[in-house]
Amino acid sequence: MPAFIPITIYLNGRSMLVASIADAETALQQPWPFMDKPCRLEAIRIIEECLAGHCTQQAAFDAFRAAASEQGLLKRKPPSIGLRKFDGVAEDLL
């Protein structure tokens, strides 16, 4: 099983870590803002194809990531306090 870089999606005010095809399948079963968007439906289809052995896991994970991105579910967290301090030090050095 390929190692995916985990992504965090935000559904219904809660975060959900998605690091596998099984996680993506579970996430797609949750209520999304737009259930009938073509990109989401395509991700469901491709994940089903992947589970049946007809496409790669990477293709299925990429389709899921694209659907989540299209619906604005891939929001970046603000940097931590430590990272902000590190950025400040780095700026001072430049």
N, C-alpha and C. Protein backbone atom coordinates (compact mmCIF):
# COMPACT_ATOMS: atom_id res chain seq x y z
N MET A 1 0.85 -1.18 0.00
CA MET A 1 0.00 0.00 0.00
C MET A 1 0.89 1.23 0.00
N PRO A 2 0.68 2.13 -0.95
CA PRO A 2 1.54 3.31 -0.99
C PRO A 2 1.29 4.21 0.20
N ALA A 3 2.34 4.89 0.59
CA ALA A 3 2.21 5.84 1.69
C ALA A 3 1.76 7.19 1.13
N PHE A 4 0.64 7.66 1.60
CA PHE A 4 0.15 8.96 1.19
C PHE A 4 0.51 9.97 2.25
N ILE A 5 0.75 11.17 1.84
CA ILE A 5 0.91 12.24 2.80
C ILE A 5 -0.49 12.53 3.31
N PRO A 6 -0.73 12.36 4.59
CA PRO A 6 -2.08 12.56 5.12
C PRO A 6 -2.57 13.99 4.88
N ILE A 7 -3.84 14.10 4.61
CA ILE A 7 -4.46 15.42 4.47
C ILE A 7 -5.56 15.52 5.51
N THR A 8 -5.82 16.73 5.93
CA THR A 8 -6.89 16.98 6.88
C THR A 8 -8.00 17.71 6.16
N ILE A 9 -9.19 17.18 6.26
CA ILE A 9 -10.35 17.87 5.70
C ILE A 9 -11.22 18.31 6.85
N TYR A 10 -12.05 19.31 6.60
CA TYR A 10 -12.94 19.84 7.61
C TYR A 10 -14.37 19.69 7.14
N LEU A 11 -15.10 18.78 7.81
CA LEU A 11 -16.50 18.51 7.50
C LEU A 11 -17.34 18.80 8.72
N ASN A 12 -18.37 19.58 8.54
CA ASN A 12 -19.32 19.86 9.62
C ASN A 12 -18.64 20.39 10.88
N GLY A 13 -17.63 21.24 10.68
CA GLY A 13 -16.94 21.87 11.80
C GLY A 13 -15.95 20.96 12.52
N ARG A 14 -15.72 19.79 12.00
CA ARG A 14 -14.76 18.85 12.61
C ARG A 14 -13.69 18.49 11.61
N SER A 15 -12.49 18.27 12.12
CA SER A 15 -11.40 17.85 11.24
C SER A 15 -11.40 16.33 11.11
N MET A 16 -10.91 15.86 9.98
CA MET A 16 -10.83 14.43 9.72
C MET A 16 -9.52 14.17 8.97
N LEU A 17 -8.68 13.31 9.52
CA LEU A 17 -7.43 12.97 8.88
C LEU A 17 -7.67 11.87 7.85
N VAL A 18 -7.20 12.09 6.63
CA VAL A 18 -7.38 11.11 5.56
C VAL A 18 -5.99 10.70 5.07
N ALA A 19 -5.64 9.44 5.31
CA ALA A 19 -4.31 8.96 4.95
C ALA A 19 -4.34 7.66 4.15
N SER A 20 -5.53 7.20 3.80
CA SER A 20 -5.65 5.95 3.05
C SER A 20 -6.92 5.97 2.21
N ILE A 21 -7.03 4.99 1.35
CA ILE A 21 -8.24 4.87 0.53
C ILE A 21 -9.44 4.58 1.43
N ALA A 22 -9.25 3.77 2.46
CA ALA A 22 -10.35 3.49 3.39
C ALA A 22 -10.81 4.76 4.10
N ASP A 23 -9.85 5.61 4.49
CA ASP A 23 -10.21 6.89 5.11
C ASP A 23 -10.99 7.77 4.13
N ALA A 24 -10.54 7.79 2.89
CA ALA A 24 -11.21 8.61 1.87
C ALA A 24 -12.62 8.10 1.63
N GLU A 25 -12.78 6.79 1.58
CA GLU A 25 -14.12 6.21 1.38
C GLU A 25 -15.04 6.60 2.54
N THR A 26 -14.52 6.53 3.76
CA THR A 26 -15.31 6.91 4.93
C THR A 26 -15.69 8.39 4.87
N ALA A 27 -14.74 9.23 4.49
CA ALA A 27 -15.00 10.67 4.41
C ALA A 27 -16.06 10.98 3.36
N LEU A 28 -16.03 10.27 2.25
CA LEU A 28 -17.00 10.52 1.18
C LEU A 28 -18.41 10.09 1.58
N GLN A 29 -18.53 9.25 2.59
CA GLN A 29 -19.85 8.82 3.06
C GLN A 29 -20.47 9.84 4.02
N GLN A 30 -19.67 10.80 4.47
CA GLN A 30 -20.17 11.84 5.37
C GLN A 30 -20.93 12.90 4.57
N PRO A 31 -21.75 13.71 5.22
CA PRO A 31 -22.42 14.80 4.51
C PRO A 31 -21.41 15.87 4.08
N TRP A 32 -21.38 16.14 2.80
CA TRP A 32 -20.51 17.17 2.23
C TRP A 32 -21.38 18.39 1.92
N PRO A 33 -20.75 19.56 1.78
CA PRO A 33 -21.54 20.76 1.48
C PRO A 33 -22.39 20.59 0.22
N PHE A 34 -21.81 19.98 -0.82
CA PHE A 34 -22.52 19.77 -2.09
C PHE A 34 -22.38 18.30 -2.46
N MET A 35 -23.38 17.53 -2.10
CA MET A 35 -23.32 16.07 -2.27
C MET A 35 -23.29 15.64 -3.74
N ASP A 36 -23.88 16.43 -4.63
CA ASP A 36 -24.02 16.03 -6.03
C ASP A 36 -23.01 16.67 -6.97
N LYS A 37 -21.98 17.29 -6.45
CA LYS A 37 -20.95 17.90 -7.32
C LYS A 37 -20.27 16.79 -8.12
N PRO A 38 -20.04 17.01 -9.40
CA PRO A 38 -19.42 15.97 -10.23
C PRO A 38 -18.06 15.48 -9.72
N CYS A 39 -17.26 16.37 -9.17
CA CYS A 39 -15.94 15.95 -8.70
C CYS A 39 -16.05 14.97 -7.53
N ARG A 40 -17.00 15.18 -6.63
CA ARG A 40 -17.22 14.25 -5.51
C ARG A 40 -17.73 12.91 -6.02
N LEU A 41 -18.68 12.96 -6.93
CA LEU A 41 -19.23 11.71 -7.48
C LEU A 41 -18.16 10.93 -8.25
N GLU A 42 -17.27 11.66 -8.93
CA GLU A 42 -16.17 11.02 -9.65
C GLU A 42 -15.20 10.38 -8.66
N ALA A 43 -14.93 11.05 -7.55
CA ALA A 43 -14.05 10.48 -6.53
C ALA A 43 -14.64 9.19 -5.97
N ILE A 44 -15.93 9.18 -5.72
CA ILE A 44 -16.59 7.96 -5.24
C ILE A 44 -16.42 6.83 -6.25
N ARG A 45 -16.65 7.16 -7.52
CA ARG A 45 -16.54 6.14 -8.57
C ARG A 45 -15.11 5.60 -8.67
N ILE A 46 -14.13 6.50 -8.63
CA ILE A 46 -12.74 6.07 -8.78
C ILE A 46 -12.29 5.26 -7.56
N ILE A 47 -12.74 5.62 -6.37
CA ILE A 47 -12.39 4.83 -5.19
C ILE A 47 -13.01 3.44 -5.28
N GLU A 48 -14.24 3.36 -5.77
CA GLU A 48 -14.85 2.04 -5.97
C GLU A 48 -14.04 1.22 -6.98
N GLU A 49 -13.59 1.87 -8.06
CA GLU A 49 -12.76 1.19 -9.07
C GLU A 49 -11.44 0.72 -8.44
N CYS A 50 -10.86 1.55 -7.60
CA CYS A 50 -9.61 1.20 -6.93
C CYS A 50 -9.81 -0.02 -6.03
N LEU A 51 -10.87 0.00 -5.25
CA LEU A 51 -11.13 -1.13 -4.35
C LEU A 51 -11.40 -2.42 -5.12
N ALA A 52 -11.90 -2.28 -6.35
CA ALA A 52 -12.13 -3.46 -7.19
C ALA A 52 -10.86 -3.87 -7.94
N GLY A 53 -9.79 -3.07 -7.79
CA GLY A 53 -8.52 -3.41 -8.42
C GLY A 53 -8.36 -2.90 -9.84
N HIS A 54 -9.19 -1.92 -10.24
CA HIS A 54 -9.16 -1.45 -11.62
C HIS A 54 -8.41 -0.15 -11.83
N CYS A 55 -7.94 0.48 -10.75
CA CYS A 55 -7.10 1.67 -10.90
C CYS A 55 -6.18 1.76 -9.69
N THR A 56 -5.21 2.64 -9.78
CA THR A 56 -4.23 2.74 -8.71
C THR A 56 -4.78 3.49 -7.49
N GLN A 57 -4.19 3.20 -6.36
CA GLN A 57 -4.56 3.91 -5.15
C GLN A 57 -4.20 5.39 -5.25
N GLN A 58 -3.10 5.69 -5.93
CA GLN A 58 -2.70 7.08 -6.07
C GLN A 58 -3.74 7.86 -6.87
N ALA A 59 -4.26 7.26 -7.94
CA ALA A 59 -5.29 7.93 -8.74
C ALA A 59 -6.55 8.18 -7.91
N ALA A 60 -6.92 7.21 -7.10
CA ALA A 60 -8.12 7.35 -6.26
C ALA A 60 -7.91 8.43 -5.20
N PHE A 61 -6.74 8.43 -4.57
CA PHE A 61 -6.46 9.43 -3.54
C PHE A 61 -6.41 10.83 -4.15
N ASP A 62 -5.83 10.95 -5.33
CA ASP A 62 -5.78 12.24 -6.02
C ASP A 62 -7.18 12.73 -6.36
N ALA A 63 -8.06 11.83 -6.78
CA ALA A 63 -9.45 12.22 -7.09
C ALA A 63 -10.16 12.69 -5.83
N PHE A 64 -9.89 12.03 -4.71
CA PHE A 64 -10.49 12.46 -3.45
C PHE A 64 -9.98 13.85 -3.07
N ARG A 65 -8.67 14.04 -3.17
CA ARG A 65 -8.09 15.34 -2.82
C ARG A 65 -8.66 16.45 -3.70
N ALA A 66 -8.85 16.17 -4.98
CA ALA A 66 -9.42 17.17 -5.88
C ALA A 66 -10.86 17.51 -5.49
N ALA A 67 -11.63 16.52 -5.12
CA ALA A 67 -13.03 16.75 -4.72
C ALA A 67 -13.07 17.57 -3.43
N ALA A 68 -12.23 17.24 -2.48
CA ALA A 68 -12.19 17.97 -1.21
C ALA A 68 -11.75 19.42 -1.45
N SER A 69 -10.79 19.59 -2.32
CA SER A 69 -10.32 20.95 -2.63
C SER A 69 -11.40 21.77 -3.30
N GLU A 70 -12.11 21.17 -4.26
CA GLU A 70 -13.17 21.87 -4.98
C GLU A 70 -14.26 22.36 -4.03
N GLN A 71 -14.51 21.61 -2.98
CA GLN A 71 -15.57 22.00 -2.04
C GLN A 71 -15.04 22.80 -0.85
N GLY A 72 -13.78 23.17 -0.90
CA GLY A 72 -13.21 24.02 0.14
C GLY A 72 -13.00 23.31 1.47
N LEU A 73 -12.78 22.01 1.43
CA LEU A 73 -12.61 21.26 2.66
C LEU A 73 -11.16 21.14 3.11
N LEU A 74 -10.23 21.59 2.27
CA LEU A 74 -8.80 21.52 2.60
C LEU A 74 -8.33 22.89 3.09
N LYS A 75 -8.71 23.22 4.29
CA LYS A 75 -8.30 24.51 4.83
C LYS A 75 -7.01 24.33 5.61
N ARG A 76 -6.11 25.28 5.43
CA ARG A 76 -4.85 25.21 6.15
C ARG A 76 -5.01 25.77 7.54
N LYS A 77 -4.41 25.10 8.48
CA LYS A 77 -4.40 25.60 9.84
C LYS A 77 -3.40 26.75 9.93
N PRO A 78 -3.65 27.72 10.80
CA PRO A 78 -2.66 28.77 10.98
C PRO A 78 -1.39 28.17 11.58
N PRO A 79 -0.24 28.78 11.29
CA PRO A 79 0.99 28.22 11.85
C PRO A 79 0.99 28.27 13.37
N SER A 80 1.69 27.34 13.97
CA SER A 80 1.77 27.29 15.43
C SER A 80 2.55 28.49 15.96
N ILE A 81 2.44 28.73 17.24
CA ILE A 81 3.16 29.84 17.87
C ILE A 81 4.67 29.67 17.67
N GLY A 82 5.15 28.44 17.84
CA GLY A 82 6.58 28.18 17.66
C GLY A 82 7.03 28.47 16.24
N LEU A 83 6.24 28.08 15.26
CA LEU A 83 6.61 28.33 13.87
C LEU A 83 6.58 29.82 13.56
N ARG A 84 5.63 30.55 14.12
CA ARG A 84 5.60 32.00 13.91
C ARG A 84 6.84 32.66 14.51
N LYS A 85 7.26 32.19 15.70
CA LYS A 85 8.48 32.73 16.31
C LYS A 85 9.69 32.42 15.45
N PHE A 86 9.76 31.19 14.95
CA PHE A 86 10.86 30.79 14.08
C PHE A 86 10.88 31.66 12.83
N ASP A 87 9.72 31.92 12.22
CA ASP A 87 9.64 32.78 11.04
C ASP A 87 10.16 34.18 11.37
N GLY A 88 9.81 34.69 12.56
CA GLY A 88 10.29 36.01 12.97
C GLY A 88 11.79 36.06 13.08
N VAL A 89 12.38 35.02 13.66
CA VAL A 89 13.85 34.94 13.79
C VAL A 89 14.49 34.87 12.41
N ALA A 90 13.92 34.06 11.54
CA ALA A 90 14.45 33.92 10.19
C ALA A 90 14.40 35.25 9.43
N GLU A 91 13.31 35.99 9.58
CA GLU A 91 13.21 37.30 8.93
C GLU A 91 14.26 38.26 9.46
N ASP A 92 14.53 38.21 10.77
CA ASP A 92 15.55 39.09 11.36
C ASP A 92 16.93 38.77 10.81
N LEU A 93 17.18 37.51 10.50
CA LEU A 93 18.49 37.11 9.97
C LEU A 93 18.68 37.55 8.53
N LEU A 94 17.62 37.75 7.82
CA LEU A 94 17.72 38.16 6.42
C LEU A 94 17.82 39.63 6.39
